C-alpha atoms as a PDB file:
ATOM      1  CA  MET A   1      25.902  21.021  22.400  1.00  0.00           C
ATOM      2  CA  LEU A   2      23.012  18.605  22.782  1.00  0.00           C
ATOM      3  CA  ARG A   3      21.349  18.375  26.158  1.00  0.00           C
ATOM      4  CA  PRO A   4      21.964  14.914  27.648  1.00  0.00           C
ATOM      5  CA  ARG A   5      18.897  14.548  29.863  1.00  0.00           C
ATOM      6  CA  LEU A   6      15.232  15.005  29.000  1.00  0.00           C
ATOM      7  CA  ARG A   7      12.130  14.875  31.180  1.00  0.00           C
ATOM      8  CA  VAL A   8       9.248  13.443  29.158  1.00  0.00           C
ATOM      9  CA  ALA A   9       5.542  12.874  29.738  1.00  0.00           C
ATOM     10  CA  LEU A  10       3.004  10.712  27.890  1.00  0.00           C
ATOM     11  CA  ALA A  11      -0.678  11.582  28.291  1.00  0.00           C
ATOM     12  CA  GLN A  12      -2.618   8.308  28.105  1.00  0.00           C
ATOM     13  CA  MET A  13      -6.108   9.752  27.807  1.00  0.00           C
ATOM     14  CA  ASP A  14      -9.620   8.818  26.777  1.00  0.00           C
ATOM     15  CA  ILE A  15     -10.953  10.558  23.649  1.00  0.00           C
ATOM     16  CA  VAL A  16     -14.571  11.354  22.768  1.00  0.00           C
ATOM     17  CA  PRO A  17     -15.144  11.083  18.993  1.00  0.00           C
ATOM     18  CA  GLY A  18     -16.166  14.415  17.507  1.00  0.00           C
ATOM     19  CA  ASP A  19     -16.243  16.306  20.842  1.00  0.00           C
ATOM     20  CA  TRP A  20     -13.433  18.834  20.442  1.00  0.00           C
ATOM     21  CA  GLU A  21     -14.232  20.789  23.613  1.00  0.00           C
ATOM     22  CA  ALA A  22     -14.250  17.739  25.879  1.00  0.00           C
ATOM     23  CA  ASN A  23     -10.997  16.426  24.443  1.00  0.00           C
ATOM     24  CA  VAL A  24      -9.278  19.795  24.726  1.00  0.00           C
ATOM     25  CA  MET A  25     -10.253  20.112  28.391  1.00  0.00           C
ATOM     26  CA  ARG A  26      -8.930  16.636  29.129  1.00  0.00           C
ATOM     27  CA  ALA A  27      -5.626  17.284  27.338  1.00  0.00           C
ATOM     28  CA  PHE A  28      -5.216  20.617  29.143  1.00  0.00           C
ATOM     29  CA  ARG A  29      -5.403  18.884  32.526  1.00  0.00           C
ATOM     30  CA  PHE A  30      -2.689  16.455  31.481  1.00  0.00           C
ATOM     31  CA  LEU A  31      -0.490  19.346  30.366  1.00  0.00           C
ATOM     32  CA  GLU A  32      -0.981  21.065  33.714  1.00  0.00           C
ATOM     33  CA  ASP A  33       0.166  17.916  35.486  1.00  0.00           C
ATOM     34  CA  ALA A  34       3.164  17.537  33.174  1.00  0.00           C
ATOM     35  CA  SER A  35       4.144  21.160  33.784  1.00  0.00           C
ATOM     36  CA  ASN A  36       3.932  20.661  37.558  1.00  0.00           C
ATOM     37  CA  LEU A  37       6.371  17.753  37.149  1.00  0.00           C
ATOM     38  CA  ARG A  38       8.699  20.031  35.138  1.00  0.00           C
ATOM     39  CA  CYS A  39       8.500  17.886  32.028  1.00  0.00           C
ATOM     40  CA  GLU A  40      10.175  19.284  28.929  1.00  0.00           C
ATOM     41  CA  LEU A  41       8.613  17.157  26.175  1.00  0.00           C
ATOM     42  CA  VAL A  42       4.944  16.137  26.285  1.00  0.00           C
ATOM     43  CA  LEU A  43       3.322  13.632  23.925  1.00  0.00           C
ATOM     44  CA  LEU A  44      -0.429  13.281  23.299  1.00  0.00           C
ATOM     45  CA  PRO A  45      -2.144  10.318  21.559  1.00  0.00           C
ATOM     46  CA  GLU A  46      -3.161  10.042  17.923  1.00  0.00           C
ATOM     47  CA  MET A  47      -6.221  12.116  16.909  1.00  0.00           C
ATOM     48  CA  TRP A  48      -6.506  13.389  20.476  1.00  0.00           C
ATOM     49  CA  SER A  49      -8.637  16.428  19.634  1.00  0.00           C
ATOM     50  CA  THR A  50     -11.366  14.728  17.604  1.00  0.00           C
ATOM     51  CA  GLY A  51     -10.940  10.972  17.780  1.00  0.00           C
ATOM     52  CA  PHE A  52     -12.217   9.031  14.790  1.00  0.00           C
ATOM     53  CA  PRO A  53     -15.841  10.138  14.442  1.00  0.00           C
ATOM     54  CA  ALA A  54     -18.192   8.532  11.945  1.00  0.00           C
ATOM     55  CA  LEU A  55     -16.691   8.524   8.456  1.00  0.00           C
ATOM     56  CA  GLU A  56     -19.341  10.809   6.998  1.00  0.00           C
ATOM     57  CA  THR A  57     -18.595  13.525   9.583  1.00  0.00           C
ATOM     58  CA  LEU A  58     -14.801  13.263   9.748  1.00  0.00           C
ATOM     59  CA  VAL A  59     -14.077  15.669   6.904  1.00  0.00           C
ATOM     60  CA  ASP A  60     -16.348  18.364   8.355  1.00  0.00           C
ATOM     61  CA  THR A  61     -14.878  17.802  11.803  1.00  0.00           C
ATOM     62  CA  ALA A  62     -11.366  18.207  10.433  1.00  0.00           C
ATOM     63  CA  ARG A  63     -12.182  21.413   8.579  1.00  0.00           C
ATOM     64  CA  SER A  64     -13.891  22.983  11.585  1.00  0.00           C
ATOM     65  CA  THR A  65     -11.143  22.133  14.099  1.00  0.00           C
ATOM     66  CA  PHE A  66      -7.747  22.102  12.372  1.00  0.00           C
ATOM     67  CA  TYR A  67      -6.757  25.759  12.560  1.00  0.00           C
ATOM     68  CA  LYS A  68      -8.032  26.354  16.091  1.00  0.00           C
ATOM     69  CA  THR A  69      -6.274  23.180  17.267  1.00  0.00           C
ATOM     70  CA  LEU A  70      -3.020  24.306  15.679  1.00  0.00           C
ATOM     71  CA  ASP A  71      -3.320  27.678  17.446  1.00  0.00           C
ATOM     72  CA  LEU A  72      -4.048  25.916  20.718  1.00  0.00           C
ATOM     73  CA  ILE A  73      -0.984  23.681  20.414  1.00  0.00           C
ATOM     74  CA  GLN A  74       1.221  26.749  20.054  1.00  0.00           C
ATOM     75  CA  GLN A  75      -0.477  28.542  22.963  1.00  0.00           C
ATOM     76  CA  TRP A  76      -0.106  25.541  25.255  1.00  0.00           C
ATOM     77  CA  ALA A  77       3.551  25.010  24.390  1.00  0.00           C
ATOM     78  CA  GLN A  78       4.262  28.632  25.260  1.00  0.00           C
ATOM     79  CA  ARG A  79       2.069  28.723  28.371  1.00  0.00           C
ATOM     80  CA  PHE A  80       3.578  25.597  29.897  1.00  0.00           C
ATOM     81  CA  HIS A  81       7.042  26.202  28.424  1.00  0.00           C
ATOM     82  CA  VAL A  82       7.278  22.706  26.962  1.00  0.00           C
ATOM     83  CA  TRP A  83       8.039  21.034  23.673  1.00  0.00           C
ATOM     84  CA  LEU A  84       4.599  19.721  22.770  1.00  0.00           C
ATOM     85  CA  LEU A  85       4.254  16.894  20.282  1.00  0.00           C
ATOM     86  CA  ALA A  86       0.508  17.062  20.008  1.00  0.00           C
ATOM     87  CA  GLY A  87      -0.126  13.440  19.092  1.00  0.00           C
ATOM     88  CA  SER A  88      -1.795  13.816  15.752  1.00  0.00           C
ATOM     89  CA  ILE A  89      -4.693  15.875  14.481  1.00  0.00           C
ATOM     90  CA  PRO A  90      -6.689  15.863  11.239  1.00  0.00           C
ATOM     91  CA  GLU A  91      -4.795  18.371   9.079  1.00  0.00           C
ATOM     92  CA  VAL A  92      -6.422  20.351   6.289  1.00  0.00           C
ATOM     93  CA  ALA A  93      -3.995  20.919   3.405  1.00  0.00           C
ATOM     94  CA  GLY A  94      -5.430  22.235   0.151  1.00  0.00           C
ATOM     95  CA  GLU A  95      -8.112  19.806  -0.966  1.00  0.00           C
ATOM     96  CA  GLY A  96      -6.681  16.929   1.058  1.00  0.00           C
ATOM     97  CA  LEU A  97      -6.661  15.755   4.657  1.00  0.00           C
ATOM     98  CA  TYR A  98      -3.744  14.211   6.535  1.00  0.00           C
ATOM     99  CA  ASN A  99      -3.317  12.508   9.898  1.00  0.00           C
ATOM    100  CA  SER A 100      -0.509  14.747  11.143  1.00  0.00           C
ATOM    101  CA  ALA A 101       1.612  15.227  14.256  1.00  0.00           C
ATOM    102  CA  TYR A 102       2.799  18.785  14.967  1.00  0.00           C
ATOM    103  CA  LEU A 103       5.638  19.804  17.263  1.00  0.00           C
ATOM    104  CA  ALA A 104       5.570  23.232  18.939  1.00  0.00           C
ATOM    105  CA  GLY A 105       8.452  24.708  20.927  1.00  0.00           C
ATOM    106  CA  PRO A 106       8.287  26.561  24.264  1.00  0.00           C
ATOM    107  CA  GLY A 107       8.263  29.903  22.484  1.00  0.00           C
ATOM    108  CA  GLY A 108       5.027  28.911  20.763  1.00  0.00           C
ATOM    109  CA  GLU A 109       6.666  28.408  17.381  1.00  0.00           C
ATOM    110  CA  LEU A 110       5.891  25.396  15.205  1.00  0.00           C
ATOM    111  CA  GLN A 111       9.004  23.250  14.725  1.00  0.00           C
ATOM    112  CA  GLY A 112       7.679  20.888  12.084  1.00  0.00           C
ATOM    113  CA  HIS A 113       5.261  18.045  11.485  1.00  0.00           C
ATOM    114  CA  TYR A 114       4.979  14.462  10.305  1.00  0.00           C
ATOM    115  CA  ARG A 115       2.128  13.040   8.221  1.00  0.00           C
ATOM    116  CA  LYS A 116       1.131   9.428   8.824  1.00  0.00           C
ATOM    117  CA  MET A 117       2.420   7.316   5.951  1.00  0.00           C
ATOM    118  CA  HIS A 118       0.567   4.040   6.523  1.00  0.00           C
ATOM    119  CA  LEU A 119      -3.187   4.572   6.781  1.00  0.00           C
ATOM    120  CA  PHE A 120      -5.247   2.024   8.716  1.00  0.00           C
ATOM    121  CA  PRO A 121      -7.858   0.314   6.495  1.00  0.00           C
ATOM    122  CA  ALA A 122      -9.968  -0.937   9.423  1.00  0.00           C
ATOM    123  CA  PHE A 123     -10.694   2.675  10.445  1.00  0.00           C
ATOM    124  CA  HIS A 124     -11.324   3.651   6.775  1.00  0.00           C
ATOM    125  CA  GLU A 125      -8.436   6.124   6.865  1.00  0.00           C
ATOM    126  CA  PRO A 126      -7.534   5.634   3.168  1.00  0.00           C
ATOM    127  CA  ALA A 127     -11.030   6.803   2.229  1.00  0.00           C
ATOM    128  CA  VAL A 128     -10.509  10.152   3.981  1.00  0.00           C
ATOM    129  CA  PHE A 129      -6.806  10.880   4.439  1.00  0.00           C
ATOM    130  CA  GLN A 130      -3.881  11.203   2.072  1.00  0.00           C
ATOM    131  CA  PRO A 131      -0.701   9.333   3.053  1.00  0.00           C
ATOM    132  CA  GLY A 132       2.354  11.302   4.062  1.00  0.00           C
ATOM    133  CA  ARG A 133       5.432  11.148   1.828  1.00  0.00           C
ATOM    134  CA  GLU A 134       8.272  12.474   4.012  1.00  0.00           C
ATOM    135  CA  ASN A 135       9.976  10.962   7.037  1.00  0.00           C
ATOM    136  CA  GLN A 136      12.222  13.731   8.316  1.00  0.00           C
ATOM    137  CA  PRO A 137      13.307  14.096  11.958  1.00  0.00           C
ATOM    138  CA  LEU A 138      12.319  17.146  13.992  1.00  0.00           C
ATOM    139  CA  LEU A 139      15.092  19.200  15.590  1.00  0.00           C
ATOM    140  CA  THR A 140      15.176  19.842  19.351  1.00  0.00           C
ATOM    141  CA  PRO A 141      17.816  20.853  21.921  1.00  0.00           C
ATOM    142  CA  TRP A 142      18.182  17.131  22.736  1.00  0.00           C
ATOM    143  CA  GLY A 143      18.899  16.119  19.157  1.00  0.00           C
ATOM    144  CA  LYS A 144      16.781  14.732  16.370  1.00  0.00           C
ATOM    145  CA  VAL A 145      13.336  13.342  17.229  1.00  0.00           C
ATOM    146  CA  GLY A 146      11.496  11.007  14.885  1.00  0.00           C
ATOM    147  CA  VAL A 147       7.742  10.525  14.661  1.00  0.00           C
ATOM    148  CA  GLN A 148       5.670   7.573  13.503  1.00  0.00           C
ATOM    149  CA  ILE A 149       1.917   7.226  14.007  1.00  0.00           C
ATOM    150  CA  CYS A 150       0.019   4.111  15.139  1.00  0.00           C
ATOM    151  CA  PHE A 151      -0.227   1.754  12.112  1.00  0.00           C
ATOM    152  CA  ASP A 152       3.265   2.878  11.056  1.00  0.00           C
ATOM    153  CA  LEU A 153       4.504   0.661  13.893  1.00  0.00           C
ATOM    154  CA  ARG A 154       4.006  -2.415  11.726  1.00  0.00           C
ATOM    155  CA  PHE A 155       6.404  -1.144   9.047  1.00  0.00           C
ATOM    156  CA  PRO A 156      10.021  -1.287  10.240  1.00  0.00           C
ATOM    157  CA  LEU A 157      11.639   0.566   7.327  1.00  0.00           C
ATOM    158  CA  GLY A 158      10.315   3.942   8.499  1.00  0.00           C
ATOM    159  CA  PHE A 159      11.962   3.414  11.883  1.00  0.00           C
ATOM    160  CA  GLN A 160      15.183   2.278  10.211  1.00  0.00           C
ATOM    161  CA  GLU A 161      15.200   5.359   8.011  1.00  0.00           C
ATOM    162  CA  LEU A 162      15.001   7.530  11.116  1.00  0.00           C
ATOM    163  CA  ARG A 163      17.926   5.628  12.640  1.00  0.00           C
ATOM    164  CA  THR A 164      20.086   6.400   9.595  1.00  0.00           C
ATOM    165  CA  GLN A 165      19.230  10.077  10.043  1.00  0.00           C
ATOM    166  CA  GLY A 166      20.584  10.059  13.590  1.00  0.00           C
ATOM    167  CA  VAL A 167      17.494  10.302  15.785  1.00  0.00           C
ATOM    168  CA  ARG A 168      17.879   9.656  19.510  1.00  0.00           C
ATOM    169  CA  LEU A 169      14.224   8.923  20.173  1.00  0.00           C
ATOM    170  CA  VAL A 170      11.029   8.212  18.255  1.00  0.00           C
ATOM    171  CA  CYS A 171       7.578   9.306  19.402  1.00  0.00           C
ATOM    172  CA  LEU A 172       4.627   7.103  18.482  1.00  0.00           C
ATOM    173  CA  PRO A 173       1.152   8.556  19.140  1.00  0.00           C
ATOM    174  CA  ALA A 174      -1.514   5.907  18.614  1.00  0.00           C
ATOM    175  CA  GLN A 175      -5.077   4.650  18.828  1.00  0.00           C
ATOM    176  CA  PHE A 176      -4.197   0.947  18.999  1.00  0.00           C
ATOM    177  CA  PRO A 177      -7.318  -1.079  19.871  1.00  0.00           C
ATOM    178  CA  HIS A 178      -8.139  -4.428  21.399  1.00  0.00           C
ATOM    179  CA  PRO A 179      -7.517  -7.292  20.686  1.00  0.00           C
ATOM    180  CA  ARG A 180      -3.965  -6.565  19.471  1.00  0.00           C
ATOM    181  CA  LEU A 181      -2.228  -5.807  22.764  1.00  0.00           C
ATOM    182  CA  GLN A 182       0.497  -8.403  22.250  1.00  0.00           C
ATOM    183  CA  HIS A 183       1.294  -6.943  18.827  1.00  0.00           C
ATOM    184  CA  TRP A 184       1.704  -3.522  20.430  1.00  0.00           C
ATOM    185  CA  LEU A 185       3.935  -4.729  23.273  1.00  0.00           C
ATOM    186  CA  THR A 186       6.133  -6.817  20.992  1.00  0.00           C
ATOM    187  CA  LEU A 187       6.564  -4.357  18.127  1.00  0.00           C
ATOM    188  CA  ILE A 188       7.442  -1.359  20.292  1.00  0.00           C
ATOM    189  CA  ARG A 189      10.272  -3.214  22.003  1.00  0.00           C
ATOM    190  CA  ALA A 190      11.421  -4.648  18.679  1.00  0.00           C
ATOM    191  CA  ARG A 191      11.658  -1.182  17.106  1.00  0.00           C
ATOM    192  CA  ALA A 192      13.723   0.074  20.061  1.00  0.00           C
ATOM    193  CA  ILE A 193      16.031  -2.956  20.055  1.00  0.00           C
ATOM    194  CA  GLU A 194      16.675  -3.121  16.324  1.00  0.00           C
ATOM    195  CA  ASN A 195      17.326   0.623  16.027  1.00  0.00           C
ATOM    196  CA  GLN A 196      18.940   1.240  19.431  1.00  0.00           C
ATOM    197  CA  TYR A 197      17.085   4.411  20.381  1.00  0.00           C
ATOM    198  CA  PHE A 198      14.324   5.385  22.800  1.00  0.00           C
ATOM    199  CA  VAL A 199      10.719   4.765  21.755  1.00  0.00           C
ATOM    200  CA  LEU A 200       7.940   6.771  23.420  1.00  0.00           C
ATOM    201  CA  ALA A 201       4.609   5.155  22.557  1.00  0.00           C
ATOM    202  CA  CYS A 202       1.494   7.031  23.687  1.00  0.00           C
ATOM    203  CA  ASN A 203      -1.761   5.122  23.185  1.00  0.00           C
ATOM    204  CA  ARG A 204      -5.277   6.185  24.076  1.00  0.00           C
ATOM    205  CA  THR A 205      -7.614   4.334  26.417  1.00  0.00           C
ATOM    206  CA  GLY A 206     -11.394   4.006  26.734  1.00  0.00           C
ATOM    207  CA  GLU A 207     -14.067   3.187  24.176  1.00  0.00           C
ATOM    208  CA  ASP A 208     -15.308   5.236  21.233  1.00  0.00           C
ATOM    209  CA  PHE A 209     -17.979   2.970  19.706  1.00  0.00           C
ATOM    210  CA  PRO A 210     -19.728  -0.138  21.054  1.00  0.00           C
ATOM    211  CA  GLY A 211     -17.399  -3.089  20.683  1.00  0.00           C
ATOM    212  CA  ARG A 212     -14.312  -0.941  19.964  1.00  0.00           C
ATOM    213  CA  SER A 213     -12.064  -0.212  22.911  1.00  0.00           C
ATOM    214  CA  TYR A 214      -8.442   0.718  23.485  1.00  0.00           C
ATOM    215  CA  PHE A 215      -5.986  -0.885  25.886  1.00  0.00           C
ATOM    216  CA  GLY A 216      -3.644   1.988  26.695  1.00  0.00           C
ATOM    217  CA  HIS A 217      -0.336   0.379  27.759  1.00  0.00           C
ATOM    218  CA  SER A 218       1.616   3.465  26.743  1.00  0.00           C
ATOM    219  CA  MET A 219       5.320   2.747  27.131  1.00  0.00           C
ATOM    220  CA  ILE A 220       8.744   4.294  27.303  1.00  0.00           C
ATOM    221  CA  VAL A 221      11.389   1.839  26.082  1.00  0.00           C
ATOM    222  CA  ASP A 222      15.127   2.426  26.190  1.00  0.00           C
ATOM    223  CA  PRO A 223      17.662   1.662  23.404  1.00  0.00           C
ATOM    224  CA  GLY A 224      18.314  -1.778  24.858  1.00  0.00           C
ATOM    225  CA  GLY A 225      14.636  -2.727  24.799  1.00  0.00           C
ATOM    226  CA  GLU A 226      14.010  -2.318  28.544  1.00  0.00           C
ATOM    227  CA  ILE A 227      10.609  -0.932  29.523  1.00  0.00           C
ATOM    228  CA  LEU A 228      11.245   2.106  31.714  1.00  0.00           C
ATOM    229  CA  LEU A 229       7.602   2.960  32.281  1.00  0.00           C
ATOM    230  CA  GLN A 230       4.287   1.439  31.247  1.00  0.00           C
ATOM    231  CA  GLY A 231       0.638   2.253  31.797  1.00  0.00           C
ATOM    232  CA  TYR A 232      -2.296  -0.123  31.769  1.00  0.00           C
ATOM    233  CA  GLU A 233      -5.885   0.634  30.717  1.00  0.00           C
ATOM    234  CA  GLU A 234      -6.591   3.641  32.945  1.00  0.00           C
ATOM    235  CA  GLU A 235      -6.047   7.292  32.128  1.00  0.00           C
ATOM    236  CA  ILE A 236      -2.614   8.230  33.408  1.00  0.00           C
ATOM    237  CA  LEU A 237       0.292  10.591  32.879  1.00  0.00           C
ATOM    238  CA  LEU A 238       3.558   8.686  32.510  1.00  0.00           C
ATOM    239  CA  ALA A 239       6.581  10.861  33.297  1.00  0.00           C
ATOM    240  CA  THR A 240      10.274  10.124  33.696  1.00  0.00           C
ATOM    241  CA  GLU A 241      13.747  11.427  32.849  1.00  0.00           C
ATOM    242  CA  LEU A 242      15.721   9.976  29.944  1.00  0.00           C
ATOM    243  CA  ASN A 243      19.512   9.813  29.804  1.00  0.00           C
ATOM    244  CA  LEU A 244      19.981  10.302  26.065  1.00  0.00           C
ATOM    245  CA  VAL A 245      23.701   9.533  26.269  1.00  0.00           C
ATOM    246  CA  GLN A 246      22.509   5.924  26.559  1.00  0.00           C
ATOM    247  CA  VAL A 247      21.720   5.966  22.820  1.00  0.00           C
ATOM    248  CA  GLU A 248      25.342   6.502  21.831  1.00  0.00           C
ATOM    249  CA  GLN A 249      26.556   4.082  24.504  1.00  0.00           C
ATOM    250  CA  VAL A 250      24.348   1.245  23.257  1.00  0.00           C
ATOM    251  CA  GLN A 251      25.144   1.919  19.612  1.00  0.00           C
ATOM    252  CA  ASN A 252      28.888   2.020  20.309  1.00  0.00           C
ATOM    253  CA  ASP A 253      28.937  -1.036  22.581  1.00  0.00           C
ATOM    254  CA  PHE A 254      26.846  -3.189  20.234  1.00  0.00           C
ATOM    255  CA  PRO A 255      27.211  -1.783  16.693  1.00  0.00           C
ATOM    256  CA  LEU A 256      24.614  -2.827  14.148  1.00  0.00           C
ATOM    257  CA  SER A 257      24.558  -2.253  10.400  1.00  0.00           C
ATOM    258  CA  LEU A 258      21.080  -1.795   8.962  1.00  0.00           C
ATOM    259  CA  ALA A 259      20.277  -3.011   5.462  1.00  0.00           C
ATOM    260  CA  SER A 260      19.361   0.540   4.466  1.00  0.00           C
ATOM    261  CA  GLU A 261      22.904   1.616   5.399  1.00  0.00           C
ATOM    262  CA  ILE A 262      24.666  -1.291   3.715  1.00  0.00           C
ATOM    263  CA  PHE A 263      23.028  -0.800   0.329  1.00  0.00           C
ATOM    264  CA  LYS A 264      23.381   2.967   0.014  1.00  0.00           C
END
């Protein structure tokens, strides 16, 4: 039987490009706080461990940090007894690199991962990363959890596909920069409303290069499009309890047929 209530936490944190140690220390403090609040699912931002360093160093950074970051994610999940969706990290896979989000369970076991499908040209991601090809939910005691990453937000079909697979919430780690705050606020609520599930959007804050800054505004939005919790531009841990039964209630009270369902 699926658990009906879930305590979640979003770590809206600053990220130093290329400084793995500094980013790990910052994330650890957020996890400590989330554990003290008895949160069960913790979400970190996109590329939280390395940021987006200069293009010419990104590949080396990925290769030197991927395996130790993956080990750390598992250790933290077990230490704090949480389900840890560790934002995304640069994943080394064969000869390619991916922008990937990994989920670890409270026993320290890896539960699965999602590779970012839509790579952001302005950050030169297509020059370094390979796009993901699969959009499968991750299984938890609260039901199916979907993942999309940052630029994926602009492409509604991925979110619709997750709806048809029965997810109850979608996690969206991001590095969404100024000046597109209104895009962020509008699209997150739209994805929740049109798919009738929770959306947990965890954005970074701070500045990584001169003239490039991030507005935070991490949000938790319910299946009806109401904002339950929202940050601003400061570092902050956003934590609350979700009533996941609300997903079925909204979908039953106001049934929608998605195009992807109609034309199967």
